[in-house]
Amino acid sequence: MKKAWLIVIALGMAGCVSQPQVLDDQQGLVIQTAVKRAQLKMNCPDVAGKVLSQQVIQPAVQGAYIVGVKRVEYTVEVTGCSKKDTYIVVCPVGSDGCFAAGSRNR
């Protein structure tokens, strides 16, 4: 019985991913999401983006039987056609369902 618990714990820890790794894994998708939104808003096909900041957001709801979705949030600056804008991009961890929230015009 003790051996079974050790196996379960080892497998659970093997599935853990560090926060920096989670943040780095989704950067390409995040920049792409912000760039696509900026291309439409700026009416500019040649837009480039860079990540200004990033953080892991813990689920709002956590309990013994309920676990919310862990998310990552990035601030992305986009530039193109002599325009600059900043977007907040949010992604659920382990998913490609990112969205670019409203921009903060500069």
C-alpha atoms as a PDB file:
ATOM      1  CA  MET A   1       0.000   0.000   0.000  1.00  0.00           C
ATOM      2  CA  LYS A   2       2.812   2.375   0.907  1.00  0.00           C
ATOM      3  CA  LYS A   3       4.485   1.655  -2.437  1.00  0.00           C
ATOM      4  CA  ALA A   4       1.279   2.551  -4.316  1.00  0.00           C
ATOM      5  CA  TRP A   5       1.115   5.960  -2.618  1.00  0.00           C
ATOM      6  CA  LEU A   6       4.744   6.658  -3.467  1.00  0.00           C
ATOM      7  CA  ILE A   7       4.032   5.890  -7.127  1.00  0.00           C
ATOM      8  CA  VAL A   8       0.991   8.190  -7.136  1.00  0.00           C
ATOM      9  CA  ILE A   9       2.989  11.015  -5.546  1.00  0.00           C
ATOM     10  CA  ALA A  10       5.903  10.541  -7.967  1.00  0.00           C
ATOM     11  CA  LEU A  11       3.578  10.610 -10.980  1.00  0.00           C
ATOM     12  CA  GLY A  12       1.832  13.702  -9.657  1.00  0.00           C
ATOM     13  CA  MET A  13       5.109  15.531  -9.200  1.00  0.00           C
ATOM     14  CA  ALA A  14       6.297  14.503 -12.663  1.00  0.00           C
ATOM     15  CA  GLY A  15       3.261  16.264 -14.104  1.00  0.00           C
ATOM     16  CA  CYS A  16       4.101  19.527 -12.348  1.00  0.00           C
ATOM     17  CA  VAL A  17       5.517  22.283 -14.511  1.00  0.00           C
ATOM     18  CA  SER A  18       7.347  25.284 -13.102  1.00  0.00           C
ATOM     19  CA  GLN A  19       5.749  28.719 -13.464  1.00  0.00           C
ATOM     20  CA  PRO A  20       8.582  30.144 -15.602  1.00  0.00           C
ATOM     21  CA  GLN A  21       8.241  27.179 -17.964  1.00  0.00           C
ATOM     22  CA  VAL A  22       4.468  27.694 -18.249  1.00  0.00           C
ATOM     23  CA  LEU A  23       4.999  31.385 -19.022  1.00  0.00           C
ATOM     24  CA  ASP A  24       7.710  30.696 -21.606  1.00  0.00           C
ATOM     25  CA  ASP A  25       5.755  27.910 -23.334  1.00  0.00           C
ATOM     26  CA  GLN A  26       2.890  30.206 -24.347  1.00  0.00           C
ATOM     27  CA  GLN A  27       4.800  33.352 -25.351  1.00  0.00           C
ATOM     28  CA  GLY A  28       4.679  32.650 -29.095  1.00  0.00           C
ATOM     29  CA  LEU A  29       0.922  32.108 -29.044  1.00  0.00           C
ATOM     30  CA  VAL A  30       0.439  35.184 -26.863  1.00  0.00           C
ATOM     31  CA  ILE A  31       2.349  37.468 -29.219  1.00  0.00           C
ATOM     32  CA  GLN A  32       0.478  36.012 -32.204  1.00  0.00           C
ATOM     33  CA  THR A  33      -2.871  36.672 -30.476  1.00  0.00           C
ATOM     34  CA  ALA A  34      -1.994  40.306 -29.713  1.00  0.00           C
ATOM     35  CA  VAL A  35      -0.588  40.888 -33.213  1.00  0.00           C
ATOM     36  CA  LYS A  36      -3.740  39.537 -34.907  1.00  0.00           C
ATOM     37  CA  ARG A  37      -5.951  41.794 -32.796  1.00  0.00           C
ATOM     38  CA  ALA A  38      -3.712  44.802 -33.469  1.00  0.00           C
ATOM     39  CA  GLN A  39      -3.673  44.133 -37.229  1.00  0.00           C
ATOM     40  CA  LEU A  40      -7.456  44.432 -37.267  1.00  0.00           C
ATOM     41  CA  LYS A  41      -7.681  47.413 -34.923  1.00  0.00           C
ATOM     42  CA  MET A  42      -4.813  49.373 -36.483  1.00  0.00           C
ATOM     43  CA  ASN A  43      -5.728  48.335 -40.029  1.00  0.00           C
ATOM     44  CA  CYS A  44      -2.056  47.487 -40.493  1.00  0.00           C
ATOM     45  CA  PRO A  45      -0.744  44.163 -41.852  1.00  0.00           C
ATOM     46  CA  ASP A  46       2.837  44.719 -40.624  1.00  0.00           C
ATOM     47  CA  VAL A  47       2.624  44.565 -36.818  1.00  0.00           C
ATOM     48  CA  ALA A  48       5.261  43.279 -34.389  1.00  0.00           C
ATOM     49  CA  GLY A  49       4.794  42.437 -30.728  1.00  0.00           C
ATOM     50  CA  LYS A  50       6.898  41.957 -27.625  1.00  0.00           C
ATOM     51  CA  VAL A  51       6.049  40.808 -24.117  1.00  0.00           C
ATOM     52  CA  LEU A  52       6.458  43.528 -21.489  1.00  0.00           C
ATOM     53  CA  SER A  53       5.353  41.535 -18.437  1.00  0.00           C
ATOM     54  CA  GLN A  54       3.915  38.159 -17.521  1.00  0.00           C
ATOM     55  CA  GLN A  55       2.384  36.486 -14.485  1.00  0.00           C
ATOM     56  CA  VAL A  56       0.527  33.358 -13.423  1.00  0.00           C
ATOM     57  CA  ILE A  57      -2.963  34.029 -12.049  1.00  0.00           C
ATOM     58  CA  GLN A  58      -4.189  31.544  -9.477  1.00  0.00           C
ATOM     59  CA  PRO A  59      -7.793  30.323  -9.757  1.00  0.00           C
ATOM     60  CA  ALA A  60     -10.385  32.518  -8.060  1.00  0.00           C
ATOM     61  CA  VAL A  61     -12.173  29.427  -6.750  1.00  0.00           C
ATOM     62  CA  GLN A  62     -10.315  26.645  -4.970  1.00  0.00           C
ATOM     63  CA  GLY A  63     -11.581  24.103  -2.528  1.00  0.00           C
ATOM     64  CA  ALA A  64     -11.567  20.443  -1.654  1.00  0.00           C
ATOM     65  CA  TYR A  65     -13.833  19.505  -4.562  1.00  0.00           C
ATOM     66  CA  ILE A  66     -13.715  22.609  -6.754  1.00  0.00           C
ATOM     67  CA  VAL A  67     -10.662  23.842  -8.612  1.00  0.00           C
ATOM     68  CA  GLY A  68     -10.788  26.864 -10.884  1.00  0.00           C
ATOM     69  CA  VAL A  69      -8.728  27.396 -14.007  1.00  0.00           C
ATOM     70  CA  LYS A  70      -5.150  28.616 -13.616  1.00  0.00           C
ATOM     71  CA  ARG A  71      -4.361  31.351 -16.145  1.00  0.00           C
ATOM     72  CA  VAL A  72      -1.361  33.253 -17.389  1.00  0.00           C
ATOM     73  CA  GLU A  73      -1.543  36.966 -18.126  1.00  0.00           C
ATOM     74  CA  TYR A  74       0.826  38.867 -20.395  1.00  0.00           C
ATOM     75  CA  THR A  75       1.150  42.546 -21.235  1.00  0.00           C
ATOM     76  CA  VAL A  76       2.121  42.774 -24.914  1.00  0.00           C
ATOM     77  CA  GLU A  77       3.226  45.905 -26.736  1.00  0.00           C
ATOM     78  CA  VAL A  78       2.464  45.970 -30.471  1.00  0.00           C
ATOM     79  CA  THR A  79       3.849  48.407 -33.031  1.00  0.00           C
ATOM     80  CA  GLY A  80       3.203  48.929 -36.716  1.00  0.00           C
ATOM     81  CA  CYS A  81       2.324  51.586 -39.305  1.00  0.00           C
ATOM     82  CA  SER A  82       3.637  54.341 -36.993  1.00  0.00           C
ATOM     83  CA  LYS A  83       1.229  53.238 -34.232  1.00  0.00           C
ATOM     84  CA  LYS A  84       1.792  51.673 -30.825  1.00  0.00           C
ATOM     85  CA  ASP A  85      -0.651  49.889 -28.533  1.00  0.00           C
ATOM     86  CA  THR A  86      -0.607  47.603 -25.501  1.00  0.00           C
ATOM     87  CA  TYR A  87      -2.832  44.562 -24.912  1.00  0.00           C
ATOM     88  CA  ILE A  88      -3.446  42.306 -21.962  1.00  0.00           C
ATOM     89  CA  VAL A  89      -3.497  38.710 -23.238  1.00  0.00           C
ATOM     90  CA  VAL A  90      -4.934  35.983 -20.992  1.00  0.00           C
ATOM     91  CA  CYS A  91      -4.578  32.221 -21.578  1.00  0.00           C
ATOM     92  CA  PRO A  92      -5.773  29.213 -19.585  1.00  0.00           C
ATOM     93  CA  VAL A  93      -2.731  27.098 -18.657  1.00  0.00           C
ATOM     94  CA  GLY A  94      -2.364  24.143 -21.021  1.00  0.00           C
ATOM     95  CA  SER A  95      -4.741  25.544 -23.630  1.00  0.00           C
ATOM     96  CA  ASP A  96      -4.399  27.584 -26.794  1.00  0.00           C
ATOM     97  CA  GLY A  97      -7.593  29.542 -26.052  1.00  0.00           C
ATOM     98  CA  CYS A  98      -5.885  32.897 -25.515  1.00  0.00           C
ATOM     99  CA  PHE A  99      -7.677  36.204 -25.931  1.00  0.00           C
ATOM    100  CA  ALA A 100      -6.427  39.763 -26.160  1.00  0.00           C
ATOM    101  CA  ALA A 101      -8.363  42.024 -23.820  1.00  0.00           C
ATOM    102  CA  GLY A 102      -8.924  45.700 -24.540  1.00  0.00           C
ATOM    103  CA  SER A 103      -5.993  47.818 -25.543  1.00  0.00           C
ATOM    104  CA  ARG A 104      -4.421  50.679 -23.671  1.00  0.00           C
ATOM    105  CA  ASN A 105      -3.612  53.270 -26.323  1.00  0.00           C
ATOM    106  CA  ARG A 106      -0.438  55.263 -25.850  1.00  0.00           C
END
